[in-house]
């Protein structure tokens, strides 16, 4: 069981997922995204605190972002992380559709039409 937990953590903490960049990202793109995330985390923005992985969401910290950037600067370490980052992150569950009132037929009478449009009923 410990191996399975280690594998899950290895996938969750993959630098590509932490930074939210694909394995094909150029070094400049990785650096730019890392700096942007560090700034967002310093400001306390909620949108920067979580990231998607194939094994569920991860919690992003400034330390994780710095480690991820350092790992991807080393070509050998980057190759290892590229191999583990081939899975697509799990998409967040879609928000439920708002419940709409039932549609009326176009030719159905609408007795409250004038009131709905702000007109008073004839006296």
PDB file of N, CA and C in Angstrom:
ATOM      1  N   UNK A   1       0.825  -1.197   0.000  1.00  0.00           N
ATOM      2  CA  UNK A   1       0.000   0.000   0.000  1.00  0.00           C
ATOM      3  C   UNK A   1       0.865   1.255   0.000  1.00  0.00           C
ATOM      4  N   UNK A   2       2.027   1.199   0.644  1.00  0.00           N
ATOM      5  CA  UNK A   2       2.903   2.359   0.714  1.00  0.00           C
ATOM      6  C   UNK A   2       3.369   2.768  -0.685  1.00  0.00           C
ATOM      7  N   UNK A   3       3.591   1.777  -1.576  1.00  0.00           N
ATOM      8  CA  UNK A   3       4.008   2.091  -2.946  1.00  0.00           C
ATOM      9  C   UNK A   3       2.927   2.866  -3.677  1.00  0.00           C
ATOM     10  N   UNK A   4       1.682   2.471  -3.498  1.00  0.00           N
ATOM     11  CA  UNK A   4       0.575   3.163  -4.165  1.00  0.00           C
ATOM     12  C   UNK A   4       0.478   4.607  -3.673  1.00  0.00           C
ATOM     13  N   UNK A   5       0.632   4.808  -2.376  1.00  0.00           N
ATOM     14  CA  UNK A   5       0.578   6.163  -1.828  1.00  0.00           C
ATOM     15  C   UNK A   5       1.742   7.001  -2.339  1.00  0.00           C
ATOM     16  N   UNK A   6       2.940   6.393  -2.453  1.00  0.00           N
ATOM     17  CA  UNK A   6       4.100   7.099  -2.979  1.00  0.00           C
ATOM     18  C   UNK A   6       3.913   7.494  -4.428  1.00  0.00           C
ATOM     19  N   UNK A   7       3.286   6.618  -5.200  1.00  0.00           N
ATOM     20  CA  UNK A   7       3.021   6.913  -6.600  1.00  0.00           C
ATOM     21  C   UNK A   7       2.026   8.054  -6.730  1.00  0.00           C
ATOM     22  N   UNK A   8       0.992   8.020  -5.918  1.00  0.00           N
ATOM     23  CA  UNK A   8      -0.010   9.093  -5.952  1.00  0.00           C
ATOM     24  C   UNK A   8       0.650  10.424  -5.604  1.00  0.00           C
ATOM     25  N   UNK A   9       1.484  10.437  -4.570  1.00  0.00           N
ATOM     26  CA  UNK A   9       2.170  11.672  -4.178  1.00  0.00           C
ATOM     27  C   UNK A   9       3.127  12.134  -5.268  1.00  0.00           C
ATOM     28  N   UNK A  10       3.798  11.185  -5.907  1.00  0.00           N
ATOM     29  CA  UNK A  10       4.740  11.532  -6.973  1.00  0.00           C
ATOM     30  C   UNK A  10       4.010  12.198  -8.140  1.00  0.00           C
ATOM     31  N   UNK A  11       2.832  11.694  -8.461  1.00  0.00           N
ATOM     32  CA  UNK A  11       2.031  12.296  -9.536  1.00  0.00           C
ATOM     33  C   UNK A  11       1.493  13.649  -9.075  1.00  0.00           C
ATOM     34  N   UNK A  12       0.952  13.711  -7.866  1.00  0.00           N
ATOM     35  CA  UNK A  12       0.364  14.958  -7.363  1.00  0.00           C
ATOM     36  C   UNK A  12       1.409  16.071  -7.264  1.00  0.00           C
ATOM     37  N   UNK A  13       2.646  15.738  -6.885  1.00  0.00           N
ATOM     38  CA  UNK A  13       3.685  16.756  -6.700  1.00  0.00           C
ATOM     39  C   UNK A  13       4.554  16.953  -7.937  1.00  0.00           C
ATOM     40  N   UNK A  14       4.137  16.416  -9.076  1.00  0.00           N
ATOM     41  CA  UNK A  14       4.908  16.583 -10.304  1.00  0.00           C
ATOM     42  C   UNK A  14       5.013  18.070 -10.629  1.00  0.00           C
ATOM     43  N   UNK A  15       6.224  18.558 -10.898  1.00  0.00           N
ATOM     44  CA  UNK A  15       6.406  19.989 -11.156  1.00  0.00           C
ATOM     45  C   UNK A  15       5.531  20.549 -12.283  1.00  0.00           C
ATOM     46  N   UNK A  16       5.257  19.752 -13.296  1.00  0.00           N
ATOM     47  CA  UNK A  16       4.421  20.238 -14.393  1.00  0.00           C
ATOM     48  C   UNK A  16       2.998  20.507 -13.914  1.00  0.00           C
ATOM     49  N   UNK A  17       2.477  19.645 -13.042  1.00  0.00           N
ATOM     50  CA  UNK A  17       1.135  19.870 -12.497  1.00  0.00           C
ATOM     51  C   UNK A  17       1.144  21.033 -11.504  1.00  0.00           C
ATOM     52  N   UNK A  18       2.190  21.100 -10.678  1.00  0.00           N
ATOM     53  CA  UNK A  18       2.283  22.182  -9.689  1.00  0.00           C
ATOM     54  C   UNK A  18       2.274  23.540 -10.395  1.00  0.00           C
ATOM     55  N   UNK A  19       3.005  23.632 -11.498  1.00  0.00           N
ATOM     56  CA  UNK A  19       3.083  24.900 -12.228  1.00  0.00           C
ATOM     57  C   UNK A  19       1.951  25.076 -13.232  1.00  0.00           C
ATOM     58  N   UNK A  20       1.233  24.010 -13.520  1.00  0.00           N
ATOM     59  CA  UNK A  20       0.121  24.112 -14.463  1.00  0.00           C
ATOM     60  C   UNK A  20       0.566  24.292 -15.900  1.00  0.00           C
ATOM     61  N   UNK A  21       1.720  23.713 -16.262  1.00  0.00           N
ATOM     62  CA  UNK A  21       2.225  23.803 -17.631  1.00  0.00           C
ATOM     63  C   UNK A  21       2.352  22.398 -18.214  1.00  0.00           C
ATOM     64  N   UNK A  22       2.248  22.272 -19.543  1.00  0.00           N
ATOM     65  CA  UNK A  22       2.392  20.959 -20.163  1.00  0.00           C
ATOM     66  C   UNK A  22       3.866  20.539 -20.219  1.00  0.00           C
ATOM     67  N   UNK A  23       4.143  19.242 -20.375  1.00  0.00           N
ATOM     68  CA  UNK A  23       5.532  18.777 -20.472  1.00  0.00           C
ATOM     69  C   UNK A  23       6.277  19.350 -21.679  1.00  0.00           C
ATOM     70  N   UNK A  24       5.567  19.899 -22.628  1.00  0.00           N
ATOM     71  CA  UNK A  24       6.199  20.486 -23.813  1.00  0.00           C
ATOM     72  C   UNK A  24       6.564  21.955 -23.611  1.00  0.00           C
ATOM     73  N   UNK A  25       6.295  22.500 -22.444  1.00  0.00           N
ATOM     74  CA  UNK A  25       6.536  23.927 -22.188  1.00  0.00           C
ATOM     75  C   UNK A  25       8.019  24.258 -22.276  1.00  0.00           C
ATOM     76  N   UNK A  26       8.313  25.396 -22.856  1.00  0.00           N
ATOM     77  CA  UNK A  26       9.692  25.882 -22.939  1.00  0.00           C
ATOM     78  C   UNK A  26      10.127  26.391 -21.567  1.00  0.00           C
ATOM     79  N   UNK A  27      11.437  26.466 -21.379  1.00  0.00           N
ATOM     80  CA  UNK A  27      11.973  26.907 -20.092  1.00  0.00           C
ATOM     81  C   UNK A  27      11.482  28.305 -19.722  1.00  0.00           C
ATOM     82  N   UNK A  28      11.423  29.198 -20.710  1.00  0.00           N
ATOM     83  CA  UNK A  28      10.960  30.568 -20.439  1.00  0.00           C
ATOM     84  C   UNK A  28       9.505  30.556 -19.974  1.00  0.00           C
ATOM     85  N   UNK A  29       8.686  29.707 -20.569  1.00  0.00           N
ATOM     86  CA  UNK A  29       7.274  29.617 -20.165  1.00  0.00           C
ATOM     87  C   UNK A  29       7.153  29.089 -18.735  1.00  0.00           C
ATOM     88  N   UNK A  30       8.000  28.133 -18.391  1.00  0.00           N
ATOM     89  CA  UNK A  30       8.000  27.563 -17.036  1.00  0.00           C
ATOM     90  C   UNK A  30       8.400  28.632 -16.020  1.00  0.00           C
ATOM     91  N   UNK A  31       9.449  29.368 -16.322  1.00  0.00           N
ATOM     92  CA  UNK A  31       9.903  30.430 -15.418  1.00  0.00           C
ATOM     93  C   UNK A  31       8.834  31.510 -15.255  1.00  0.00           C
ATOM     94  N   UNK A  32       8.217  31.901 -16.368  1.00  0.00           N
ATOM     95  CA  UNK A  32       7.188  32.945 -16.334  1.00  0.00           C
ATOM     96  C   UNK A  32       5.991  32.495 -15.491  1.00  0.00           C
ATOM     97  N   UNK A  33       5.547  31.258 -15.704  1.00  0.00           N
ATOM     98  CA  UNK A  33       4.404  30.749 -14.943  1.00  0.00           C
ATOM     99  C   UNK A  33       4.748  30.626 -13.461  1.00  0.00           C
ATOM    100  N   UNK A  34       5.959  30.154 -13.166  1.00  0.00           N
ATOM    101  CA  UNK A  34       6.385  30.030 -11.773  1.00  0.00           C
ATOM    102  C   UNK A  34       6.411  31.377 -11.070  1.00  0.00           C
ATOM    103  N   UNK A  35       6.957  32.391 -11.718  1.00  0.00           N
ATOM    104  CA  UNK A  35       7.008  33.726 -11.124  1.00  0.00           C
ATOM    105  C   UNK A  35       5.603  34.285 -10.928  1.00  0.00           C
ATOM    106  N   UNK A  36       4.736  34.039 -11.891  1.00  0.00           N
ATOM    107  CA  UNK A  36       3.351  34.516 -11.776  1.00  0.00           C
ATOM    108  C   UNK A  36       2.659  33.859 -10.579  1.00  0.00           C
ATOM    109  N   UNK A  37       2.846  32.540 -10.438  1.00  0.00           N
ATOM    110  CA  UNK A  37       2.222  31.823  -9.317  1.00  0.00           C
ATOM    111  C   UNK A  37       2.778  32.294  -7.977  1.00  0.00           C
ATOM    112  N   UNK A  38       4.089  32.532  -7.917  1.00  0.00           N
ATOM    113  CA  UNK A  38       4.673  33.029  -6.667  1.00  0.00           C
ATOM    114  C   UNK A  38       4.061  34.368  -6.286  1.00  0.00           C
ATOM    115  N   UNK A  39       3.882  35.239  -7.259  1.00  0.00           N
ATOM    116  CA  UNK A  39       3.252  36.533  -6.986  1.00  0.00           C
ATOM    117  C   UNK A  39       1.819  36.381  -6.516  1.00  0.00           C
ATOM    118  N   UNK A  40       1.076  35.493  -7.167  1.00  0.00           N
ATOM    119  CA  UNK A  40      -0.319  35.273  -6.791  1.00  0.00           C
ATOM    120  C   UNK A  40      -0.424  34.701  -5.377  1.00  0.00           C
ATOM    121  N   UNK A  41       0.489  33.758  -5.042  1.00  0.00           N
ATOM    122  CA  UNK A  41       0.471  33.175  -3.702  1.00  0.00           C
ATOM    123  C   UNK A  41       0.847  34.211  -2.646  1.00  0.00           C
ATOM    124  N   UNK A  42       1.787  35.088  -2.961  1.00  0.00           N
ATOM    125  CA  UNK A  42       2.173  36.153  -2.027  1.00  0.00           C
ATOM    126  C   UNK A  42       0.987  37.073  -1.738  1.00  0.00           C
ATOM    127  N   UNK A  43       0.158  37.292  -2.757  1.00  0.00           N
ATOM    128  CA  UNK A  43      -1.026  38.139  -2.576  1.00  0.00           C
ATOM    129  C   UNK A  43      -2.181  37.397  -1.906  1.00  0.00           C
ATOM    130  N   UNK A  44      -2.030  36.078  -1.739  1.00  0.00           N
ATOM    131  CA  UNK A  44      -3.066  35.295  -1.086  1.00  0.00           C
ATOM    132  C   UNK A  44      -4.263  34.987  -1.971  1.00  0.00           C
ATOM    133  N   UNK A  45      -4.078  34.969  -3.277  1.00  0.00           N
ATOM    134  CA  UNK A  45      -5.190  34.703  -4.194  1.00  0.00           C
ATOM    135  C   UNK A  45      -5.605  33.231  -4.131  1.00  0.00           C
ATOM    136  N   UNK A  46      -6.874  32.995  -3.919  1.00  0.00           N
ATOM    137  CA  UNK A  46      -7.407  31.638  -3.820  1.00  0.00           C
ATOM    138  C   UNK A  46      -7.175  30.836  -5.093  1.00  0.00           C
ATOM    139  N   UNK A  47      -7.253  31.485  -6.253  1.00  0.00           N
ATOM    140  CA  UNK A  47      -7.121  30.769  -7.521  1.00  0.00           C
ATOM    141  C   UNK A  47      -5.752  30.131  -7.685  1.00  0.00           C
ATOM    142  N   UNK A  48      -4.748  30.581  -6.946  1.00  0.00           N
ATOM    143  CA  UNK A  48      -3.400  30.032  -7.066  1.00  0.00           C
ATOM    144  C   UNK A  48      -3.127  28.923  -6.055  1.00  0.00           C
ATOM    145  N   UNK A  49      -4.016  28.713  -5.112  1.00  0.00           N
ATOM    146  CA  UNK A  49      -3.736  27.780  -4.015  1.00  0.00           C
ATOM    147  C   UNK A  49      -3.999  26.313  -4.342  1.00  0.00           C
ATOM    148  N   UNK A  50      -4.682  26.031  -5.431  1.00  0.00           N
ATOM    149  CA  UNK A  50      -4.977  24.640  -5.787  1.00  0.00           C
ATOM    150  C   UNK A  50      -4.637  24.420  -7.249  1.00  0.00           C
ATOM    151  N   UNK A  51      -4.310  23.173  -7.574  1.00  0.00           N
ATOM    152  CA  UNK A  51      -4.015  22.818  -8.959  1.00  0.00           C
ATOM    153  C   UNK A  51      -4.566  21.423  -9.240  1.00  0.00           C
ATOM    154  N   UNK A  52      -4.834  21.165 -10.509  1.00  0.00           N
ATOM    155  CA  UNK A  52      -5.430  19.891 -10.919  1.00  0.00           C
ATOM    156  C   UNK A  52      -4.347  18.879 -11.272  1.00  0.00           C
ATOM    157  N   UNK A  53      -4.592  17.620 -10.892  1.00  0.00           N
ATOM    158  CA  UNK A  53      -3.725  16.501 -11.263  1.00  0.00           C
ATOM    159  C   UNK A  53      -4.622  15.325 -11.645  1.00  0.00           C
ATOM    160  N   UNK A  54      -4.051  14.296 -12.262  1.00  0.00           N
ATOM    161  CA  UNK A  54      -4.864  13.113 -12.587  1.00  0.00           C
ATOM    162  C   UNK A  54      -5.369  12.359 -11.361  1.00  0.00           C
ATOM    163  N   UNK A  55      -4.766  12.608 -10.193  1.00  0.00           N
ATOM    164  CA  UNK A  55      -5.174  11.907  -8.976  1.00  0.00           C
ATOM    165  C   UNK A  55      -5.942  12.810  -8.021  1.00  0.00           C
ATOM    166  N   UNK A  56      -6.427  13.922  -8.511  1.00  0.00           N
ATOM    167  CA  UNK A  56      -7.195  14.847  -7.684  1.00  0.00           C
ATOM    168  C   UNK A  56      -6.429  16.130  -7.452  1.00  0.00           C
ATOM    169  N   UNK A  57      -7.078  17.096  -6.833  1.00  0.00           N
ATOM    170  CA  UNK A  57      -6.435  18.402  -6.651  1.00  0.00           C
ATOM    171  C   UNK A  57      -5.270  18.357  -5.673  1.00  0.00           C
ATOM    172  N   UNK A  58      -4.313  19.241  -5.907  1.00  0.00           N
ATOM    173  CA  UNK A  58      -3.178  19.392  -5.015  1.00  0.00           C
ATOM    174  C   UNK A  58      -3.186  20.781  -4.421  1.00  0.00           C
ATOM    175  N   UNK A  59      -2.503  20.945  -3.297  1.00  0.00           N
ATOM    176  CA  UNK A  59      -2.410  22.252  -2.653  1.00  0.00           C
ATOM    177  C   UNK A  59      -1.078  22.886  -3.029  1.00  0.00           C
ATOM    178  N   UNK A  60      -1.139  24.065  -3.628  1.00  0.00           N
ATOM    179  CA  UNK A  60       0.064  24.751  -4.101  1.00  0.00           C
ATOM    180  C   UNK A  60       0.563  25.702  -3.016  1.00  0.00           C
ATOM    181  N   UNK A  61       1.862  25.647  -2.757  1.00  0.00           N
ATOM    182  CA  UNK A  61       2.506  26.555  -1.807  1.00  0.00           C
ATOM    183  C   UNK A  61       3.692  27.215  -2.509  1.00  0.00           C
ATOM    184  N   UNK A  62       4.213  28.277  -1.911  1.00  0.00           N
ATOM    185  CA  UNK A  62       5.379  28.926  -2.519  1.00  0.00           C
ATOM    186  C   UNK A  62       6.568  27.975  -2.543  1.00  0.00           C
ATOM    187  N   UNK A  63       6.704  27.162  -1.513  1.00  0.00           N
ATOM    188  CA  UNK A  63       7.805  26.201  -1.456  1.00  0.00           C
ATOM    189  C   UNK A  63       7.680  25.178  -2.597  1.00  0.00           C
ATOM    190  N   UNK A  64       6.467  24.683  -2.839  1.00  0.00           N
ATOM    191  CA  UNK A  64       6.259  23.718  -3.924  1.00  0.00           C
ATOM    192  C   UNK A  64       6.573  24.343  -5.274  1.00  0.00           C
ATOM    193  N   UNK A  65       6.183  25.586  -5.465  1.00  0.00           N
ATOM    194  CA  UNK A  65       6.441  26.261  -6.745  1.00  0.00           C
ATOM    195  C   UNK A  65       7.939  26.442  -6.944  1.00  0.00           C
ATOM    196  N   UNK A  66       8.641  26.850  -5.907  1.00  0.00           N
ATOM    197  CA  UNK A  66      10.101  27.030  -6.019  1.00  0.00           C
ATOM    198  C   UNK A  66      10.803  25.706  -6.309  1.00  0.00           C
ATOM    199  N   UNK A  67      10.380  24.636  -5.606  1.00  0.00           N
ATOM    200  CA  UNK A  67      10.975  23.318  -5.858  1.00  0.00           C
ATOM    201  C   UNK A  67      10.687  22.844  -7.273  1.00  0.00           C
ATOM    202  N   UNK A  68       9.450  23.096  -7.747  1.00  0.00           N
ATOM    203  CA  UNK A  68       9.070  22.676  -9.100  1.00  0.00           C
ATOM    204  C   UNK A  68       9.936  23.393 -10.138  1.00  0.00           C
ATOM    205  N   UNK A  69      10.133  24.679  -9.965  1.00  0.00           N
ATOM    206  CA  UNK A  69      10.963  25.435 -10.903  1.00  0.00           C
ATOM    207  C   UNK A  69      12.405  24.915 -10.890  1.00  0.00           C
ATOM    208  N   UNK A  70      12.934  24.627  -9.712  1.00  0.00           N
ATOM    209  CA  UNK A  70      14.304  24.117  -9.596  1.00  0.00           C
ATOM    210  C   UNK A  70      14.431  22.745 -10.267  1.00  0.00           C
ATOM    211  N   UNK A  71      13.456  21.877 -10.050  1.00  0.00           N
ATOM    212  CA  UNK A  71      13.488  20.539 -10.661  1.00  0.00           C
ATOM    213  C   UNK A  71      13.493  20.623 -12.186  1.00  0.00           C
ATOM    214  N   UNK A  72      12.715  21.539 -12.733  1.00  0.00           N
ATOM    215  CA  UNK A  72      12.600  21.613 -14.186  1.00  0.00           C
ATOM    216  C   UNK A  72      13.768  22.363 -14.832  1.00  0.00           C
ATOM    217  N   UNK A  73      14.614  22.988 -14.048  1.00  0.00           N
ATOM    218  CA  UNK A  73      15.819  23.618 -14.600  1.00  0.00           C
ATOM    219  C   UNK A  73      16.887  22.572 -14.925  1.00  0.00           C
ATOM    220  N   UNK A  74      16.879  21.451 -14.233  1.00  0.00           N
ATOM    221  CA  UNK A  74      17.846  20.366 -14.458  1.00  0.00           C
ATOM    222  C   UNK A  74      17.319  19.464 -15.573  1.00  0.00           C
ATOM    223  N   UNK A  75      18.027  19.363 -16.714  1.00  0.00           N
ATOM    224  CA  UNK A  75      17.518  18.583 -17.849  1.00  0.00           C
ATOM    225  C   UNK A  75      17.222  17.108 -17.526  1.00  0.00           C
ATOM    226  N   UNK A  76      18.051  16.468 -16.705  1.00  0.00           N
ATOM    227  CA  UNK A  76      17.814  15.063 -16.371  1.00  0.00           C
ATOM    228  C   UNK A  76      16.577  14.903 -15.491  1.00  0.00           C
ATOM    229  N   UNK A  77      16.450  15.772 -14.505  1.00  0.00           N
ATOM    230  CA  UNK A  77      15.282  15.709 -13.620  1.00  0.00           C
ATOM    231  C   UNK A  77      14.013  16.042 -14.399  1.00  0.00           C
ATOM    232  N   UNK A  78      14.121  17.006 -15.310  1.00  0.00           N
ATOM    233  CA  UNK A  78      12.961  17.386 -16.111  1.00  0.00           C
ATOM    234  C   UNK A  78      12.464  16.200 -16.929  1.00  0.00           C
ATOM    235  N   UNK A  79      13.389  15.456 -17.541  1.00  0.00           N
ATOM    236  CA  UNK A  79      12.995  14.293 -18.349  1.00  0.00           C
ATOM    237  C   UNK A  79      12.227  13.289 -17.504  1.00  0.00           C
ATOM    238  N   UNK A  80      12.681  13.036 -16.303  1.00  0.00           N
ATOM    239  CA  UNK A  80      11.979  12.116 -15.405  1.00  0.00           C
ATOM    240  C   UNK A  80      10.565  12.619 -15.109  1.00  0.00           C
ATOM    241  N   UNK A  81      10.429  13.914 -14.848  1.00  0.00           N
ATOM    242  CA  UNK A  81       9.113  14.481 -14.547  1.00  0.00           C
ATOM    243  C   UNK A  81       8.212  14.491 -15.784  1.00  0.00           C
ATOM    244  N   UNK A  82       8.808  14.659 -16.964  1.00  0.00           N
ATOM    245  CA  UNK A  82       8.020  14.612 -18.202  1.00  0.00           C
ATOM    246  C   UNK A  82       7.352  13.247 -18.360  1.00  0.00           C
ATOM    247  N   UNK A  83       8.071  12.188 -18.020  1.00  0.00           N
ATOM    248  CA  UNK A  83       7.513  10.842 -18.133  1.00  0.00           C
ATOM    249  C   UNK A  83       6.314  10.640 -17.220  1.00  0.00           C
ATOM    250  N   UNK A  84       6.360  11.255 -16.037  1.00  0.00           N
ATOM    251  CA  UNK A  84       5.262  11.112 -15.074  1.00  0.00           C
ATOM    252  C   UNK A  84       4.099  12.069 -15.347  1.00  0.00           C
ATOM    253  N   UNK A  85       4.334  13.065 -16.203  1.00  0.00           N
ATOM    254  CA  UNK A  85       3.310  14.091 -16.429  1.00  0.00           C
ATOM    255  C   UNK A  85       2.537  13.890 -17.730  1.00  0.00           C
ATOM    256  N   UNK A  86       2.492  12.698 -18.234  1.00  0.00           N
ATOM    257  CA  UNK A  86       1.796  12.440 -19.500  1.00  0.00           C
ATOM    258  C   UNK A  86       0.290  12.300 -19.338  1.00  0.00           C
ATOM    259  N   UNK A  87      -0.194  12.135 -18.123  1.00  0.00           N
ATOM    260  CA  UNK A  87      -1.630  12.019 -17.890  1.00  0.00           C
ATOM    261  C   UNK A  87      -2.253  13.404 -17.834  1.00  0.00           C
ATOM    262  N   UNK A  88      -3.443  13.530 -18.366  1.00  0.00           N
ATOM    263  CA  UNK A  88      -4.166  14.803 -18.305  1.00  0.00           C
ATOM    264  C   UNK A  88      -4.719  14.999 -16.892  1.00  0.00           C
ATOM    265  N   UNK A  89      -4.626  16.219 -16.368  1.00  0.00           N
ATOM    266  CA  UNK A  89      -5.232  16.477 -15.054  1.00  0.00           C
ATOM    267  C   UNK A  89      -6.732  16.235 -15.105  1.00  0.00           C
ATOM    268  N   UNK A  90      -7.260  15.757 -14.007  1.00  0.00           N
ATOM    269  CA  UNK A  90      -8.707  15.514 -13.915  1.00  0.00           C
ATOM    270  C   UNK A  90      -9.430  16.842 -13.978  1.00  0.00           C
ATOM    271  N   UNK A  91     -10.433  16.893 -14.813  1.00  0.00           N
ATOM    272  CA  UNK A  91     -11.223  18.126 -14.928  1.00  0.00           C
ATOM    273  C   UNK A  91     -12.122  18.253 -13.710  1.00  0.00           C
ATOM    274  N   UNK A  92     -12.331  19.458 -13.307  1.00  0.00           N
ATOM    275  CA  UNK A  92     -13.248  19.704 -12.193  1.00  0.00           C
ATOM    276  C   UNK A  92     -14.656  19.332 -12.635  1.00  0.00           C
ATOM    277  N   UNK A  93     -15.428  18.874 -11.712  1.00  0.00           N
ATOM    278  CA  UNK A  93     -16.813  18.511 -12.036  1.00  0.00           C
ATOM    279  C   UNK A  93     -17.552  19.747 -12.531  1.00  0.00           C
ATOM    280  N   UNK A  94     -18.298  19.588 -13.619  1.00  0.00           N
ATOM    281  CA  UNK A  94     -19.022  20.762 -14.119  1.00  0.00           C
ATOM    282  C   UNK A  94     -20.082  21.222 -13.129  1.00  0.00           C
ATOM    283  N   UNK A  95     -20.288  22.505 -13.107  1.00  0.00           N
ATOM    284  CA  UNK A  95     -21.310  23.064 -12.222  1.00  0.00           C
ATOM    285  C   UNK A  95     -22.677  22.618 -12.720  1.00  0.00           C
ATOM    286  N   UNK A  96     -23.582  22.331 -11.804  1.00  0.00           N
ATOM    287  CA  UNK A  96     -24.912  21.898 -12.248  1.00  0.00           C
ATOM    288  C   UNK A  96     -25.608  23.016 -13.009  1.00  0.00           C
ATOM    289  N   UNK A  97     -26.372  22.609 -13.999  1.00  0.00           N
ATOM    290  CA  UNK A  97     -27.124  23.572 -14.792  1.00  0.00           C
ATOM    291  C   UNK A  97     -28.206  24.205 -13.919  1.00  0.00           C
ATOM    292  N   UNK A  98     -28.419  25.515 -14.045  1.00  0.00           N
ATOM    293  CA  UNK A  98     -29.489  26.132 -13.256  1.00  0.00           C
ATOM    294  C   UNK A  98     -30.840  25.609 -13.729  1.00  0.00           C
ATOM    295  N   UNK A  99     -31.722  25.458 -12.792  1.00  0.00           N
ATOM    296  CA  UNK A  99     -33.053  24.950 -13.127  1.00  0.00           C
ATOM    297  C   UNK A  99     -33.875  26.077 -13.750  1.00  0.00           C
ATOM    298  N   UNK A 100     -34.331  25.844 -14.950  1.00  0.00           N
ATOM    299  CA  UNK A 100     -35.117  26.842 -15.665  1.00  0.00           C
ATOM    300  C   UNK A 100     -36.597  26.499 -15.568  1.00  0.00           C
ATOM    301  N   UNK A 101     -37.446  27.515 -15.620  1.00  0.00           N
ATOM    302  CA  UNK A 101     -38.882  27.219 -15.603  1.00  0.00           C
ATOM    303  C   UNK A 101     -39.254  26.483 -16.893  1.00  0.00           C
ATOM    304  N   UNK A 102     -40.312  25.699 -16.843  1.00  0.00           N
ATOM    305  CA  UNK A 102     -40.702  24.969 -18.055  1.00  0.00           C
ATOM    306  C   UNK A 102     -41.034  25.941 -19.184  1.00  0.00           C
ATOM    307  N   UNK A 103     -40.686  25.546 -20.387  1.00  0.00           N
ATOM    308  CA  UNK A 103     -40.971  26.394 -21.554  1.00  0.00           C
ATOM    309  C   UNK A 103     -42.435  26.293 -21.927  1.00  0.00           C
ATOM    310  N   UNK A 104     -42.967  27.424 -22.362  1.00  0.00           N
ATOM    311  CA  UNK A 104     -44.362  27.429 -22.818  1.00  0.00           C
ATOM    312  C   UNK A 104     -44.360  27.355 -24.329  1.00  0.00           C
ATOM    313  N   UNK A 105     -45.410  26.838 -24.856  1.00  0.00           N
ATOM    314  CA  UNK A 105     -45.559  26.802 -26.313  1.00  0.00           C
ATOM    315  C   UNK A 105     -45.670  28.237 -26.819  1.00  0.00           C
ATOM    316  N   UNK A 106     -45.149  28.485 -28.007  1.00  0.00           N
ATOM    317  CA  UNK A 106     -45.186  29.829 -28.581  1.00  0.00           C
ATOM    318  C   UNK A 106     -46.614  30.279 -28.867  1.00  0.00           C
ATOM    319  N   UNK A 107     -47.501  29.335 -29.163  1.00  0.00           N
ATOM    320  CA  UNK A 107     -48.874  29.721 -29.491  1.00  0.00           C
ATOM    321  C   UNK A 107     -49.809  29.654 -28.282  1.00  0.00           C
ATOM    322  N   UNK A 108     -49.267  29.389 -27.085  1.00  0.00           N
ATOM    323  CA  UNK A 108     -50.107  29.298 -25.895  1.00  0.00           C
ATOM    324  C   UNK A 108     -50.472  30.709 -25.437  1.00  0.00           C
ATOM    325  N   UNK A 109     -51.689  30.899 -24.916  1.00  0.00           N
ATOM    326  CA  UNK A 109     -52.076  32.222 -24.416  1.00  0.00           C
ATOM    327  C   UNK A 109     -51.246  32.587 -23.181  1.00  0.00           C
ATOM    328  N   UNK A 110     -51.052  33.868 -23.035  1.00  0.00           N
ATOM    329  CA  UNK A 110     -50.264  34.368 -21.907  1.00  0.00           C
ATOM    330  C   UNK A 110     -51.076  35.460 -21.238  1.00  0.00           C
ATOM    331  N   UNK A 111     -51.915  35.056 -20.306  1.00  0.00           N
ATOM    332  CA  UNK A 111     -52.837  36.020 -19.707  1.00  0.00           C
ATOM    333  C   UNK A 111     -52.130  37.129 -18.913  1.00  0.00           C
ATOM    334  N   UNK A 112     -50.953  36.899 -18.413  1.00  0.00           N
ATOM    335  CA  UNK A 112     -50.258  37.902 -17.597  1.00  0.00           C
ATOM    336  C   UNK A 112     -49.249  38.708 -18.413  1.00  0.00           C
ATOM    337  N   UNK A 113     -49.329  38.650 -19.729  1.00  0.00           N
ATOM    338  CA  UNK A 113     -48.320  39.293 -20.580  1.00  0.00           C
ATOM    339  C   UNK A 113     -48.218  40.784 -20.307  1.00  0.00           C
ATOM    340  N   UNK A 114     -49.332  41.489 -20.279  1.00  0.00           N
ATOM    341  CA  UNK A 114     -49.281  42.937 -20.077  1.00  0.00           C
ATOM    342  C   UNK A 114     -48.689  43.291 -18.712  1.00  0.00           C
ATOM    343  N   UNK A 115     -49.061  42.547 -17.684  1.00  0.00           N
ATOM    344  CA  UNK A 115     -48.543  42.812 -16.336  1.00  0.00           C
ATOM    345  C   UNK A 115     -47.037  42.532 -16.283  1.00  0.00           C
ATOM    346  N   UNK A 116     -46.579  41.461 -16.943  1.00  0.00           N
ATOM    347  CA  UNK A 116     -45.161  41.114 -16.956  1.00  0.00           C
ATOM    348  C   UNK A 116     -44.342  42.187 -17.667  1.00  0.00           C
ATOM    349  N   UNK A 117     -44.942  42.847 -18.643  1.00  0.00           N
ATOM    350  CA  UNK A 117     -44.247  43.891 -19.387  1.00  0.00           C
ATOM    351  C   UNK A 117     -44.368  45.266 -18.746  1.00  0.00           C
ATOM    352  N   UNK A 118     -45.055  45.312 -17.600  1.00  0.00           N
ATOM    353  CA  UNK A 118     -45.168  46.560 -16.873  1.00  0.00           C
ATOM    354  C   UNK A 118     -46.392  47.391 -17.240  1.00  0.00           C
ATOM    355  N   UNK A 119     -47.290  46.859 -18.017  1.00  0.00           N
ATOM    356  CA  UNK A 119     -48.494  47.577 -18.375  1.00  0.00           C
ATOM    357  C   UNK A 119     -49.584  47.200 -17.396  1.00  0.00           C
ATOM    358  N   UNK A 120     -50.419  48.132 -17.085  1.00  0.00           N
ATOM    359  CA  UNK A 120     -51.514  47.813 -16.200  1.00  0.00           C
ATOM    360  C   UNK A 120     -52.671  47.259 -17.048  1.00  0.00           C
ATOM    361  N   UNK A 121     -53.427  46.413 -16.425  1.00  0.00           N
ATOM    362  CA  UNK A 121     -54.576  45.814 -17.128  1.00  0.00           C
ATOM    363  C   UNK A 121     -55.625  46.879 -17.378  1.00  0.00           C
ATOM    364  N   UNK A 122     -56.336  46.780 -18.488  1.00  0.00           N
ATOM    365  CA  UNK A 122     -57.405  47.768 -18.764  1.00  0.00           C
ATOM    366  C   UNK A 122     -58.475  47.699 -17.707  1.00  0.00           C
ATOM    367  N   UNK A 123     -59.093  48.885 -17.420  1.00  0.00           N
ATOM    368  CA  UNK A 123     -60.147  48.952 -16.396  1.00  0.00           C
ATOM    369  C   UNK A 123     -61.499  49.006 -16.995  1.00  0.00           C
TER     370      UNK A 123
END
